[in-house]
Amino acid sequence: VLAWGALFLIRKTWLEATSFNDVNEVFSDKNFWVGIIVIP
């Protein structure tokens, strides 16, 4: 869970920084929540 969450946050804040405006974008992304459940 932590590894997937950390990757998602890093990609949003660093790798995709040009399109990132608010940290809430991470938690509003359905792919984040699907990954939190399915991947672990």
Full PDB file with SEQRES, HELIX, SHEET, SSBOND, CRYST1, ORIGX, SCALE, CONECT and MASTER records, all heavy atoms in Angstrom:
SEQRES   1 A   40  VAL LEU ALA TRP GLY ALA LEU PHE LEU ILE ARG LYS THR          
SEQRES   2 A   40  TRP LEU GLU ALA THR SER PHE ASN ASP VAL ASN GLU VAL          
SEQRES   3 A   40  PHE SER ASP LYS ASN PHE TRP VAL GLY ILE ILE VAL ILE          
SEQRES   4 A   40  PRO                                                          
HELIX    1 AA1 LEU A    2  ILE A   10  1                                   9    
HELIX    2 AA2 ARG A   11  LEU A   15  3                                   5    
HELIX    3 AA3 ALA A   17  SER A   19  5                                   3    
HELIX    4 AA4 ASN A   24  SER A   28  1                                   5    
HELIX    5 AA5 LYS A   30  VAL A   38  1                                   9    
CRYST1    1.000    1.000    1.000  90.00  90.00  90.00 P 1           1          
ORIGX1      1.000000  0.000000  0.000000        0.00000                         
ORIGX2      0.000000  1.000000  0.000000        0.00000                         
ORIGX3      0.000000  0.000000  1.000000        0.00000                         
SCALE1      1.000000  0.000000  0.000000        0.00000                         
SCALE2      0.000000  1.000000  0.000000        0.00000                         
SCALE3      0.000000  0.000000  1.000000        0.00000                         
ATOM      1  N   VAL A   1       0.839  -1.208   0.000  1.00  0.00           N  
ATOM      2  CA  VAL A   1       0.000   0.000   0.000  1.00  0.00           C  
ATOM      3  C   VAL A   1       0.869   1.251   0.000  1.00  0.00           C  
ATOM      4  O   VAL A   1       0.666   2.177  -0.795  1.00  0.00           O  
ATOM      5  CB  VAL A   1      -0.947   0.003   1.220  1.00  0.00           C  
ATOM      6  CG1 VAL A   1      -1.609   1.367   1.395  1.00  0.00           C  
ATOM      7  CG2 VAL A   1      -2.010  -1.070   1.078  1.00  0.00           C  
ATOM      8  N   LEU A   2       1.851   1.286   0.887  1.00  0.00           N  
ATOM      9  CA  LEU A   2       2.727   2.462   1.000  1.00  0.00           C  
ATOM     10  C   LEU A   2       3.571   2.652  -0.262  1.00  0.00           C  
ATOM     11  O   LEU A   2       3.779   3.795  -0.706  1.00  0.00           O  
ATOM     12  CB  LEU A   2       3.634   2.315   2.221  1.00  0.00           C  
ATOM     13  CG  LEU A   2       2.932   2.377   3.593  1.00  0.00           C  
ATOM     14  CD1 LEU A   2       3.915   2.053   4.708  1.00  0.00           C  
ATOM     15  CD2 LEU A   2       2.322   3.763   3.815  1.00  0.00           C  
ATOM     16  N   ALA A   3       4.062   1.553  -0.841  1.00  0.00           N  
ATOM     17  CA  ALA A   3       4.894   1.651  -2.047  1.00  0.00           C  
ATOM     18  C   ALA A   3       4.087   2.200  -3.213  1.00  0.00           C  
ATOM     19  O   ALA A   3       4.567   3.071  -3.955  1.00  0.00           O  
ATOM     20  CB  ALA A   3       5.470   0.278  -2.398  1.00  0.00           C  
ATOM     21  N   TRP A   4       2.860   1.697  -3.381  1.00  0.00           N  
ATOM     22  CA  TRP A   4       2.019   2.192  -4.478  1.00  0.00           C  
ATOM     23  C   TRP A   4       1.622   3.649  -4.241  1.00  0.00           C  
ATOM     24  O   TRP A   4       1.656   4.468  -5.156  1.00  0.00           O  
ATOM     25  CB  TRP A   4       0.765   1.319  -4.606  1.00  0.00           C  
ATOM     26  CG  TRP A   4      -0.186   1.816  -5.664  1.00  0.00           C  
ATOM     27  CD1 TRP A   4      -1.374   2.441  -5.485  1.00  0.00           C  
ATOM     28  CD2 TRP A   4       0.003   1.749  -7.076  1.00  0.00           C  
ATOM     29  NE1 TRP A   4      -1.958   2.759  -6.682  1.00  0.00           N  
ATOM     30  CE2 TRP A   4      -1.124   2.338  -7.687  1.00  0.00           C  
ATOM     31  CE3 TRP A   4       1.012   1.233  -7.888  1.00  0.00           C  
ATOM     32  CZ2 TRP A   4      -1.272   2.432  -9.062  1.00  0.00           C  
ATOM     33  CZ3 TRP A   4       0.871   1.332  -9.268  1.00  0.00           C  
ATOM     34  CH2 TRP A   4      -0.256   1.922  -9.834  1.00  0.00           C  
ATOM     35  N   GLY A   5       1.268   3.989  -2.994  1.00  0.00           N  
ATOM     36  CA  GLY A   5       0.912   5.375  -2.680  1.00  0.00           C  
ATOM     37  C   GLY A   5       2.073   6.327  -2.909  1.00  0.00           C  
ATOM     38  O   GLY A   5       1.904   7.418  -3.450  1.00  0.00           O  
ATOM     39  N   ALA A   6       3.280   5.906  -2.496  1.00  0.00           N  
ATOM     40  CA  ALA A   6       4.469   6.744  -2.680  1.00  0.00           C  
ATOM     41  C   ALA A   6       4.766   6.955  -4.159  1.00  0.00           C  
ATOM     42  O   ALA A   6       5.097   8.078  -4.589  1.00  0.00           O  
ATOM     43  CB  ALA A   6       5.658   6.094  -1.986  1.00  0.00           C  
ATOM     44  N   LEU A   7       4.660   5.881  -4.966  1.00  0.00           N  
ATOM     45  CA  LEU A   7       4.898   6.011  -6.405  1.00  0.00           C  
ATOM     46  C   LEU A   7       3.901   6.964  -7.038  1.00  0.00           C  
ATOM     47  O   LEU A   7       4.276   7.818  -7.856  1.00  0.00           O  
ATOM     48  CB  LEU A   7       4.802   4.637  -7.072  1.00  0.00           C  
ATOM     49  CG  LEU A   7       4.923   4.667  -8.608  1.00  0.00           C  
ATOM     50  CD1 LEU A   7       6.354   5.031  -9.012  1.00  0.00           C  
ATOM     51  CD2 LEU A   7       4.537   3.329  -9.216  1.00  0.00           C  
ATOM     52  N   PHE A   8       2.651   6.829  -6.675  1.00  0.00           N  
ATOM     53  CA  PHE A   8       1.613   7.692  -7.243  1.00  0.00           C  
ATOM     54  C   PHE A   8       1.883   9.157  -6.904  1.00  0.00           C  
ATOM     55  O   PHE A   8       1.763  10.045  -7.758  1.00  0.00           O  
ATOM     56  CB  PHE A   8       0.245   7.270  -6.692  1.00  0.00           C  
ATOM     57  CG  PHE A   8      -0.867   7.353  -7.696  1.00  0.00           C  
ATOM     58  CD1 PHE A   8      -1.147   6.275  -8.528  1.00  0.00           C  
ATOM     59  CD2 PHE A   8      -1.621   8.504  -7.827  1.00  0.00           C  
ATOM     60  CE1 PHE A   8      -2.167   6.343  -9.461  1.00  0.00           C  
ATOM     61  CE2 PHE A   8      -2.640   8.593  -8.751  1.00  0.00           C  
ATOM     62  CZ  PHE A   8      -2.915   7.512  -9.582  1.00  0.00           C  
ATOM     63  N   LEU A   9       2.266   9.409  -5.671  1.00  0.00           N  
ATOM     64  CA  LEU A   9       2.546  10.785  -5.232  1.00  0.00           C  
ATOM     65  C   LEU A   9       3.778  11.342  -5.946  1.00  0.00           C  
ATOM     66  O   LEU A   9       3.786  12.506  -6.387  1.00  0.00           O  
ATOM     67  CB  LEU A   9       2.759  10.793  -3.717  1.00  0.00           C  
ATOM     68  CG  LEU A   9       2.880  12.170  -3.059  1.00  0.00           C  
ATOM     69  CD1 LEU A   9       1.594  12.973  -3.251  1.00  0.00           C  
ATOM     70  CD2 LEU A   9       3.189  12.019  -1.568  1.00  0.00           C  
ATOM     71  N   ILE A  10       4.829  10.522  -6.069  1.00  0.00           N  
ATOM     72  CA  ILE A  10       6.054  10.963  -6.750  1.00  0.00           C  
ATOM     73  C   ILE A  10       5.782  11.284  -8.210  1.00  0.00           C  
ATOM     74  O   ILE A  10       6.265  12.276  -8.757  1.00  0.00           O  
ATOM     75  CB  ILE A  10       7.156   9.893  -6.611  1.00  0.00           C  
ATOM     76  CG1 ILE A  10       7.649   9.826  -5.163  1.00  0.00           C  
ATOM     77  CG2 ILE A  10       8.317  10.174  -7.554  1.00  0.00           C  
ATOM     78  CD1 ILE A  10       8.577   8.667  -4.875  1.00  0.00           C  
ATOM     79  N   ARG A  11       4.992  10.440  -8.875  1.00  0.00           N  
ATOM     80  CA  ARG A  11       4.681  10.674 -10.291  1.00  0.00           C  
ATOM     81  C   ARG A  11       3.880  11.960 -10.477  1.00  0.00           C  
ATOM     82  O   ARG A  11       4.079  12.691 -11.445  1.00  0.00           O  
ATOM     83  CB  ARG A  11       3.902   9.483 -10.854  1.00  0.00           C  
ATOM     84  CG  ARG A  11       4.771   8.257 -11.120  1.00  0.00           C  
ATOM     85  CD  ARG A  11       3.938   7.031 -11.379  1.00  0.00           C  
ATOM     86  NE  ARG A  11       3.171   7.125 -12.620  1.00  0.00           N  
ATOM     87  CZ  ARG A  11       3.640   6.814 -13.829  1.00  0.00           C  
ATOM     88  NH1 ARG A  11       4.889   6.390 -13.950  1.00  0.00           N  
ATOM     89  NH2 ARG A  11       2.878   6.913 -14.887  1.00  0.00           N  
ATOM     90  N   LYS A  12       2.972  12.228  -9.548  1.00  0.00           N  
ATOM     91  CA  LYS A  12       2.141  13.428  -9.680  1.00  0.00           C  
ATOM     92  C   LYS A  12       2.920  14.700  -9.357  1.00  0.00           C  
ATOM     93  O   LYS A  12       2.763  15.728 -10.022  1.00  0.00           O  
ATOM     94  CB  LYS A  12       0.928  13.319  -8.745  1.00  0.00           C  
ATOM     95  CG  LYS A  12      -0.134  12.315  -9.187  1.00  0.00           C  
ATOM     96  CD  LYS A  12      -0.856  12.784 -10.430  1.00  0.00           C  
ATOM     97  CE  LYS A  12      -1.979  11.828 -10.819  1.00  0.00           C  
ATOM     98  NZ  LYS A  12      -2.659  12.258 -12.071  1.00  0.00           N  
ATOM     99  N   THR A  13       3.757  14.640  -8.307  1.00  0.00           N  
ATOM    100  CA  THR A  13       4.447  15.847  -7.850  1.00  0.00           C  
ATOM    101  C   THR A  13       5.774  16.107  -8.544  1.00  0.00           C  
ATOM    102  O   THR A  13       6.277  17.230  -8.534  1.00  0.00           O  
ATOM    103  CB  THR A  13       4.712  15.751  -6.333  1.00  0.00           C  
ATOM    104  OG1 THR A  13       5.482  14.577  -6.071  1.00  0.00           O  
ATOM    105  CG2 THR A  13       3.400  15.681  -5.570  1.00  0.00           C  
ATOM    106  N   TRP A  14       6.350  15.054  -9.162  1.00  0.00           N  
ATOM    107  CA  TRP A  14       7.676  15.220  -9.781  1.00  0.00           C  
ATOM    108  C   TRP A  14       7.650  14.895 -11.270  1.00  0.00           C  
ATOM    109  O   TRP A  14       7.924  15.767 -12.111  1.00  0.00           O  
ATOM    110  CB  TRP A  14       8.687  14.338  -9.041  1.00  0.00           C  
ATOM    111  CG  TRP A  14      10.076  14.392  -9.604  1.00  0.00           C  
ATOM    112  CD1 TRP A  14      10.667  15.453 -10.234  1.00  0.00           C  
ATOM    113  CD2 TRP A  14      11.037  13.330  -9.602  1.00  0.00           C  
ATOM    114  NE1 TRP A  14      11.930  15.131 -10.626  1.00  0.00           N  
ATOM    115  CE2 TRP A  14      12.201  13.828 -10.248  1.00  0.00           C  
ATOM    116  CE3 TRP A  14      11.056  12.030  -9.104  1.00  0.00           C  
ATOM    117  CZ2 TRP A  14      13.337  13.062 -10.416  1.00  0.00           C  
ATOM    118  CZ3 TRP A  14      12.188  11.276  -9.256  1.00  0.00           C  
ATOM    119  CH2 TRP A  14      13.316  11.784  -9.915  1.00  0.00           C  
ATOM    120  N   LEU A  15       7.296  13.668 -11.607  1.00  0.00           N  
ATOM    121  CA  LEU A  15       7.359  13.252 -13.011  1.00  0.00           C  
ATOM    122  C   LEU A  15       6.308  13.950 -13.867  1.00  0.00           C  
ATOM    123  O   LEU A  15       6.521  14.175 -15.052  1.00  0.00           O  
ATOM    124  CB  LEU A  15       7.190  11.735 -13.104  1.00  0.00           C  
ATOM    125  CG  LEU A  15       8.223  10.902 -12.327  1.00  0.00           C  
ATOM    126  CD1 LEU A  15       7.998   9.414 -12.547  1.00  0.00           C  
ATOM    127  CD2 LEU A  15       9.644  11.285 -12.733  1.00  0.00           C  
ATOM    128  N   GLU A  16       5.153  14.279 -13.263  1.00  0.00           N  
ATOM    129  CA  GLU A  16       4.103  14.977 -14.013  1.00  0.00           C  
ATOM    130  C   GLU A  16       3.872  16.364 -13.429  1.00  0.00           C  
ATOM    131  O   GLU A  16       2.752  16.875 -13.409  1.00  0.00           O  
ATOM    132  CB  GLU A  16       2.796  14.178 -13.959  1.00  0.00           C  
ATOM    133  CG  GLU A  16       2.912  12.773 -14.528  1.00  0.00           C  
ATOM    134  CD  GLU A  16       1.628  11.959 -14.335  1.00  0.00           C  
ATOM    135  OE1 GLU A  16       0.577  12.562 -14.036  1.00  0.00           O  
ATOM    136  OE2 GLU A  16       1.686  10.735 -14.480  1.00  0.00           O  
ATOM    137  N   ALA A  17       4.907  16.964 -12.947  1.00  0.00           N  
ATOM    138  CA  ALA A  17       4.788  18.233 -12.217  1.00  0.00           C  
ATOM    139  C   ALA A  17       4.145  19.342 -13.045  1.00  0.00           C  
ATOM    140  O   ALA A  17       3.498  20.242 -12.512  1.00  0.00           O  
ATOM    141  CB  ALA A  17       6.165  18.684 -11.735  1.00  0.00           C  
ATOM    142  N   THR A  18       4.289  19.292 -14.370  1.00  0.00           N  
ATOM    143  CA  THR A  18       3.740  20.371 -15.219  1.00  0.00           C  
ATOM    144  C   THR A  18       2.216  20.406 -15.192  1.00  0.00           C  
ATOM    145  O   THR A  18       1.615  21.458 -15.382  1.00  0.00           O  
ATOM    146  CB  THR A  18       4.200  20.175 -16.675  1.00  0.00           C  
ATOM    147  OG1 THR A  18       3.839  18.841 -17.106  1.00  0.00           O  
ATOM    148  CG2 THR A  18       5.706  20.342 -16.781  1.00  0.00           C  
ATOM    149  N   SER A  19       1.572  19.273 -14.950  1.00  0.00           N  
ATOM    150  CA  SER A  19       0.106  19.220 -14.933  1.00  0.00           C  
ATOM    151  C   SER A  19      -0.451  19.065 -13.526  1.00  0.00           C  
ATOM    152  O   SER A  19      -1.652  18.865 -13.346  1.00  0.00           O  
ATOM    153  CB  SER A  19      -0.385  18.046 -15.795  1.00  0.00           C  
ATOM    154  OG  SER A  19       0.108  16.827 -15.279  1.00  0.00           O  
ATOM    155  N   PHE A  20       0.428  19.155 -12.502  1.00  0.00           N  
ATOM    156  CA  PHE A  20      -0.001  18.939 -11.122  1.00  0.00           C  
ATOM    157  C   PHE A  20      -0.273  20.276 -10.447  1.00  0.00           C  
ATOM    158  O   PHE A  20       0.549  21.182 -10.450  1.00  0.00           O  
ATOM    159  CB  PHE A  20       1.101  18.182 -10.370  1.00  0.00           C  
ATOM    160  CG  PHE A  20       0.777  17.924  -8.922  1.00  0.00           C  
ATOM    161  CD1 PHE A  20      -0.113  16.913  -8.583  1.00  0.00           C  
ATOM    162  CD2 PHE A  20       1.357  18.691  -7.927  1.00  0.00           C  
ATOM    163  CE1 PHE A  20      -0.416  16.681  -7.257  1.00  0.00           C  
ATOM    164  CE2 PHE A  20       1.064  18.460  -6.608  1.00  0.00           C  
ATOM    165  CZ  PHE A  20       0.174  17.444  -6.267  1.00  0.00           C  
ATOM    166  N   ASN A  21      -1.459  20.386  -9.828  1.00  0.00           N  
ATOM    167  CA  ASN A  21      -1.834  21.640  -9.176  1.00  0.00           C  
ATOM    168  C   ASN A  21      -2.099  21.482  -7.679  1.00  0.00           C  
ATOM    169  O   ASN A  21      -1.792  22.376  -6.897  1.00  0.00           O  
ATOM    170  CB  ASN A  21      -3.100  22.222  -9.833  1.00  0.00           C  
ATOM    171  CG  ASN A  21      -2.858  22.588 -11.293  1.00  0.00           C  
ATOM    172  OD1 ASN A  21      -1.861  23.239 -11.609  1.00  0.00           O  
ATOM    173  ND2 ASN A  21      -3.756  22.160 -12.182  1.00  0.00           N  
ATOM    174  N   ASP A  22      -2.670  20.340  -7.290  1.00  0.00           N  
ATOM    175  CA  ASP A  22      -3.092  20.174  -5.901  1.00  0.00           C  
ATOM    176  C   ASP A  22      -2.903  18.723  -5.478  1.00  0.00           C  
ATOM    177  O   ASP A  22      -3.189  17.806  -6.250  1.00  0.00           O  
ATOM    178  CB  ASP A  22      -4.565  20.570  -5.782  1.00  0.00           C  
ATOM    179  CG  ASP A  22      -5.036  20.575  -4.335  1.00  0.00           C  
ATOM    180  OD1 ASP A  22      -4.214  20.323  -3.436  1.00  0.00           O  
ATOM    181  OD2 ASP A  22      -6.225  20.834  -4.101  1.00  0.00           O  
ATOM    182  N   VAL A  23      -2.432  18.532  -4.244  1.00  0.00           N  
ATOM    183  CA  VAL A  23      -2.215  17.177  -3.749  1.00  0.00           C  
ATOM    184  C   VAL A  23      -3.507  16.381  -3.703  1.00  0.00           C  
ATOM    185  O   VAL A  23      -3.509  15.145  -3.739  1.00  0.00           O  
ATOM    186  CB  VAL A  23      -1.573  17.223  -2.342  1.00  0.00           C  
ATOM    187  CG1 VAL A  23      -2.578  17.689  -1.293  1.00  0.00           C  
ATOM    188  CG2 VAL A  23      -1.003  15.852  -1.973  1.00  0.00           C  
ATOM    189  N   ASN A  24      -4.629  17.059  -3.643  1.00  0.00           N  
ATOM    190  CA  ASN A  24      -5.916  16.349  -3.630  1.00  0.00           C  
ATOM    191  C   ASN A  24      -6.182  15.610  -4.938  1.00  0.00           C  
ATOM    192  O   ASN A  24      -7.031  14.718  -4.985  1.00  0.00           O  
ATOM    193  CB  ASN A  24      -7.061  17.329  -3.355  1.00  0.00           C  
ATOM    194  CG  ASN A  24      -7.040  17.814  -1.915  1.00  0.00           C  
ATOM    195  OD1 ASN A  24      -6.720  17.054  -1.008  1.00  0.00           O  
ATOM    196  ND2 ASN A  24      -7.362  19.088  -1.711  1.00  0.00           N  
ATOM    197  N   GLU A  25      -5.428  16.005  -6.005  1.00  0.00           N  
ATOM    198  CA  GLU A  25      -5.581  15.294  -7.278  1.00  0.00           C  
ATOM    199  C   GLU A  25      -5.183  13.822  -7.136  1.00  0.00           C  
ATOM    200  O   GLU A  25      -5.709  12.959  -7.837  1.00  0.00           O  
ATOM    201  CB  GLU A  25      -4.711  15.958  -8.347  1.00  0.00           C  
ATOM    202  CG  GLU A  25      -5.201  17.324  -8.783  1.00  0.00           C  
ATOM    203  CD  GLU A  25      -4.325  17.906  -9.876  1.00  0.00           C  
ATOM    204  OE1 GLU A  25      -3.609  17.121 -10.537  1.00  0.00           O  
ATOM    205  OE2 GLU A  25      -4.348  19.134 -10.063  1.00  0.00           O  
ATOM    206  N   VAL A  26      -4.237  13.570  -6.222  1.00  0.00           N  
ATOM    207  CA  VAL A  26      -3.809  12.191  -6.004  1.00  0.00           C  
ATOM    208  C   VAL A  26      -4.952  11.366  -5.435  1.00  0.00           C  
ATOM    209  O   VAL A  26      -5.263  10.271  -5.912  1.00  0.00           O  
ATOM    210  CB  VAL A  26      -2.600  12.143  -5.037  1.00  0.00           C  
ATOM    211  CG1 VAL A  26      -2.261  10.694  -4.674  1.00  0.00           C  
ATOM    212  CG2 VAL A  26      -1.403  12.826  -5.662  1.00  0.00           C  
ATOM    213  N   PHE A  27      -5.602  11.907  -4.411  1.00  0.00           N  
ATOM    214  CA  PHE A  27      -6.643  11.150  -3.714  1.00  0.00           C  
ATOM    215  C   PHE A  27      -7.982  11.159  -4.440  1.00  0.00           C  
ATOM    216  O   PHE A  27      -8.874  10.380  -4.102  1.00  0.00           O  
ATOM    217  CB  PHE A  27      -6.806  11.702  -2.297  1.00  0.00           C  
ATOM    218  CG  PHE A  27      -5.536  11.673  -1.500  1.00  0.00           C  
ATOM    219  CD1 PHE A  27      -4.830  12.843  -1.240  1.00  0.00           C  
ATOM    220  CD2 PHE A  27      -5.021  10.469  -1.035  1.00  0.00           C  
ATOM    221  CE1 PHE A  27      -3.643  12.797  -0.515  1.00  0.00           C  
ATOM    222  CE2 PHE A  27      -3.841  10.425  -0.318  1.00  0.00           C  
ATOM    223  CZ  PHE A  27      -3.149  11.594  -0.061  1.00  0.00           C  
ATOM    224  N   SER A  28      -8.116  12.022  -5.439  1.00  0.00           N  
ATOM    225  CA  SER A  28      -9.354  12.024  -6.223  1.00  0.00           C  
ATOM    226  C   SER A  28      -9.239  11.150  -7.479  1.00  0.00           C  
ATOM    227  O   SER A  28     -10.226  10.962  -8.188  1.00  0.00           O  
ATOM    228  CB  SER A  28      -9.706  13.463  -6.632  1.00  0.00           C  
ATOM    229  OG  SER A  28      -8.673  14.025  -7.441  1.00  0.00           O  
ATOM    230  N   ASP A  29      -8.041  10.639  -7.728  1.00  0.00           N  
ATOM    231  CA  ASP A  29      -7.824   9.767  -8.891  1.00  0.00           C  
ATOM    232  C   ASP A  29      -8.294   8.352  -8.563  1.00  0.00           C  
ATOM    233  O   ASP A  29      -7.793   7.725  -7.626  1.00  0.00           O  
ATOM    234  CB  ASP A  29      -6.338   9.754  -9.258  1.00  0.00           C  
ATOM    235  CG  ASP A  29      -6.076   9.133 -10.630  1.00  0.00           C  
ATOM    236  OD1 ASP A  29      -6.791   8.169 -10.968  1.00  0.00           O  
ATOM    237  OD2 ASP A  29      -5.160   9.597 -11.311  1.00  0.00           O  
ATOM    238  N   LYS A  30      -9.237   7.817  -9.333  1.00  0.00           N  
ATOM    239  CA  LYS A  30      -9.773   6.482  -9.049  1.00  0.00           C  
ATOM    240  C   LYS A  30      -8.710   5.395  -9.209  1.00  0.00           C  
ATOM    241  O   LYS A  30      -8.764   4.351  -8.549  1.00  0.00           O  
ATOM    242  CB  LYS A  30     -10.971   6.182  -9.945  1.00  0.00           C  
ATOM    243  CG  LYS A  30     -10.642   6.052 -11.423  1.00  0.00           C  
ATOM    244  CD  LYS A  30     -11.876   5.649 -12.220  1.00  0.00           C  
ATOM    245  CE  LYS A  30     -11.521   5.432 -13.696  1.00  0.00           C  
ATOM    246  NZ  LYS A  30     -12.711   5.025 -14.489  1.00  0.00           N  
ATOM    247  N   ASN A  31      -7.727   5.639 -10.084  1.00  0.00           N  
ATOM    248  CA  ASN A  31      -6.648   4.652 -10.260  1.00  0.00           C  
ATOM    249  C   ASN A  31      -5.838   4.467  -8.980  1.00  0.00           C  
ATOM    250  O   ASN A  31      -5.314   3.386  -8.705  1.00  0.00           O  
ATOM    251  CB  ASN A  31      -5.723   5.081 -11.402  1.00  0.00           C  
ATOM    252  CG  ASN A  31      -6.400   4.981 -12.750  1.00  0.00           C  
ATOM    253  OD1 ASN A  31      -7.243   4.116 -12.956  1.00  0.00           O  
ATOM    254  ND2 ASN A  31      -6.040   5.864 -13.664  1.00  0.00           N  
ATOM    255  N   PHE A  32      -5.741   5.543  -8.206  1.00  0.00           N  
ATOM    256  CA  PHE A  32      -5.028   5.467  -6.938  1.00  0.00           C  
ATOM    257  C   PHE A  32      -5.726   4.494  -5.997  1.00  0.00           C  
ATOM    258  O   PHE A  32      -5.086   3.618  -5.412  1.00  0.00           O  
ATOM    259  CB  PHE A  32      -4.950   6.857  -6.297  1.00  0.00           C  
ATOM    260  CG  PHE A  32      -4.393   6.867  -4.899  1.00  0.00           C  
ATOM    261  CD1 PHE A  32      -3.027   6.790  -4.693  1.00  0.00           C  
ATOM    262  CD2 PHE A  32      -5.239   6.925  -3.790  1.00  0.00           C  
ATOM    263  CE1 PHE A  32      -2.505   6.781  -3.398  1.00  0.00           C  
ATOM    264  CE2 PHE A  32      -4.723   6.918  -2.509  1.00  0.00           C  
ATOM    265  CZ  PHE A  32      -3.357   6.851  -2.312  1.00  0.00           C  
ATOM    266  N   TRP A  33      -7.042   4.607  -5.868  1.00  0.00           N  
ATOM    267  CA  TRP A  33      -7.799   3.770  -4.941  1.00  0.00           C  
ATOM    268  C   TRP A  33      -7.927   2.329  -5.447  1.00  0.00           C  
ATOM    269  O   TRP A  33      -7.905   1.394  -4.641  1.00  0.00           O  
ATOM    270  CB  TRP A  33      -9.174   4.377  -4.688  1.00  0.00           C  
ATOM    271  CG  TRP A  33      -9.068   5.685  -3.970  1.00  0.00           C  
ATOM    272  CD1 TRP A  33      -9.294   6.931  -4.477  1.00  0.00           C  
ATOM    273  CD2 TRP A  33      -8.654   5.873  -2.607  1.00  0.00           C  
ATOM    274  NE1 TRP A  33      -9.053   7.891  -3.537  1.00  0.00           N  
ATOM    275  CE2 TRP A  33      -8.654   7.280  -2.372  1.00  0.00           C  
ATOM    276  CE3 TRP A  33      -8.275   5.017  -1.583  1.00  0.00           C  
ATOM    277  CZ2 TRP A  33      -8.305   7.819  -1.139  1.00  0.00           C  
ATOM    278  CZ3 TRP A  33      -7.928   5.561  -0.362  1.00  0.00           C  
ATOM    279  CH2 TRP A  33      -7.941   6.943  -0.144  1.00  0.00           C  
ATOM    280  N   VAL A  34      -8.042   2.176  -6.763  1.00  0.00           N  
ATOM    281  CA  VAL A  34      -8.074   0.823  -7.317  1.00  0.00           C  
ATOM    282  C   VAL A  34      -6.753   0.110  -7.022  1.00  0.00           C  
ATOM    283  O   VAL A  34      -6.720  -1.053  -6.614  1.00  0.00           O  
ATOM    284  CB  VAL A  34      -8.345   0.848  -8.834  1.00  0.00           C  
ATOM    285  CG1 VAL A  34      -8.131  -0.533  -9.441  1.00  0.00           C  
ATOM    286  CG2 VAL A  34      -9.776   1.308  -9.111  1.00  0.00           C  
ATOM    287  N   GLY A  35      -5.652   0.847  -7.209  1.00  0.00           N  
ATOM    288  CA  GLY A  35      -4.333   0.277  -6.947  1.00  0.00           C  
ATOM    289  C   GLY A  35      -4.114  -0.049  -5.483  1.00  0.00           C  
ATOM    290  O   GLY A  35      -3.512  -1.069  -5.139  1.00  0.00           O  
ATOM    291  N   ILE A  36      -4.633   0.819  -4.589  1.00  0.00           N  
ATOM    292  CA  ILE A  36      -4.476   0.615  -3.151  1.00  0.00           C  
ATOM    293  C   ILE A  36      -5.120  -0.701  -2.711  1.00  0.00           C  
ATOM    294  O   ILE A  36      -4.650  -1.375  -1.791  1.00  0.00           O  
ATOM    295  CB  ILE A  36      -5.098   1.796  -2.368  1.00  0.00           C  
ATOM    296  CG1 ILE A  36      -4.187   3.032  -2.452  1.00  0.00           C  
ATOM    297  CG2 ILE A  36      -5.355   1.434  -0.912  1.00  0.00           C  
ATOM    298  CD1 ILE A  36      -2.867   2.887  -1.718  1.00  0.00           C  
ATOM    299  N   ILE A  37      -6.194  -1.097  -3.381  1.00  0.00           N  
ATOM    300  CA  ILE A  37      -6.909  -2.313  -3.004  1.00  0.00           C  
ATOM    301  C   ILE A  37      -6.393  -3.536  -3.775  1.00  0.00           C  
ATOM    302  O   ILE A  37      -6.062  -4.569  -3.196  1.00  0.00           O  
ATOM    303  CB  ILE A  37      -8.427  -2.150  -3.253  1.00  0.00           C  
ATOM    304  CG1 ILE A  37      -8.973  -1.026  -2.364  1.00  0.00           C  
ATOM    305  CG2 ILE A  37      -9.163  -3.457  -2.982  1.00  0.00           C  
ATOM    306  CD1 ILE A  37     -10.383  -0.625  -2.680  1.00  0.00           C  
ATOM    307  N   VAL A  38      -6.324  -3.398  -5.107  1.00  0.00           N  
ATOM    308  CA  VAL A  38      -6.026  -4.550  -5.966  1.00  0.00           C  
ATOM    309  C   VAL A  38      -4.561  -4.955  -5.901  1.00  0.00           C  
ATOM    310  O   VAL A  38      -4.233  -6.149  -5.785  1.00  0.00           O  
ATOM    311  CB  VAL A  38      -6.432  -4.254  -7.429  1.00  0.00           C  
ATOM    312  CG1 VAL A  38      -5.998  -5.403  -8.341  1.00  0.00           C  
ATOM    313  CG2 VAL A  38      -7.931  -4.032  -7.521  1.00  0.00           C  
ATOM    314  N   ILE A  39      -3.658  -3.988  -5.967  1.00  0.00           N  
ATOM    315  CA  ILE A  39      -2.230  -4.308  -6.052  1.00  0.00           C  
ATOM    316  C   ILE A  39      -1.705  -5.027  -4.802  1.00  0.00           C  
ATOM    317  O   ILE A  39      -1.021  -6.054  -4.915  1.00  0.00           O  
ATOM    318  CB  ILE A  39      -1.412  -3.041  -6.360  1.00  0.00           C  
ATOM    319  CG1 ILE A  39      -1.657  -2.626  -7.814  1.00  0.00           C  
ATOM    320  CG2 ILE A  39       0.081  -3.281  -6.118  1.00  0.00           C  
ATOM    321  CD1 ILE A  39      -0.931  -1.402  -8.247  1.00  0.00           C  
ATOM    322  N   PRO A  40      -2.022  -4.573  -3.573  1.00  0.00           N  
ATOM    323  CA  PRO A  40      -1.542  -5.324  -2.398  1.00  0.00           C  
ATOM    324  C   PRO A  40      -2.067  -6.756  -2.348  1.00  0.00           C  
ATOM    325  O   PRO A  40      -1.328  -7.673  -1.966  1.00  0.00           O  
ATOM    326  CB  PRO A  40      -2.091  -4.497  -1.221  1.00  0.00           C  
ATOM    327  CG  PRO A  40      -2.215  -3.119  -1.757  1.00  0.00           C  
ATOM    328  CD  PRO A  40      -2.653  -3.294  -3.179  1.00  0.00           C  
TER     329      PRO A  40                                                      
MASTER        0    0    0    5    0    0    0    6  328    1    0    4          
END                                                                             
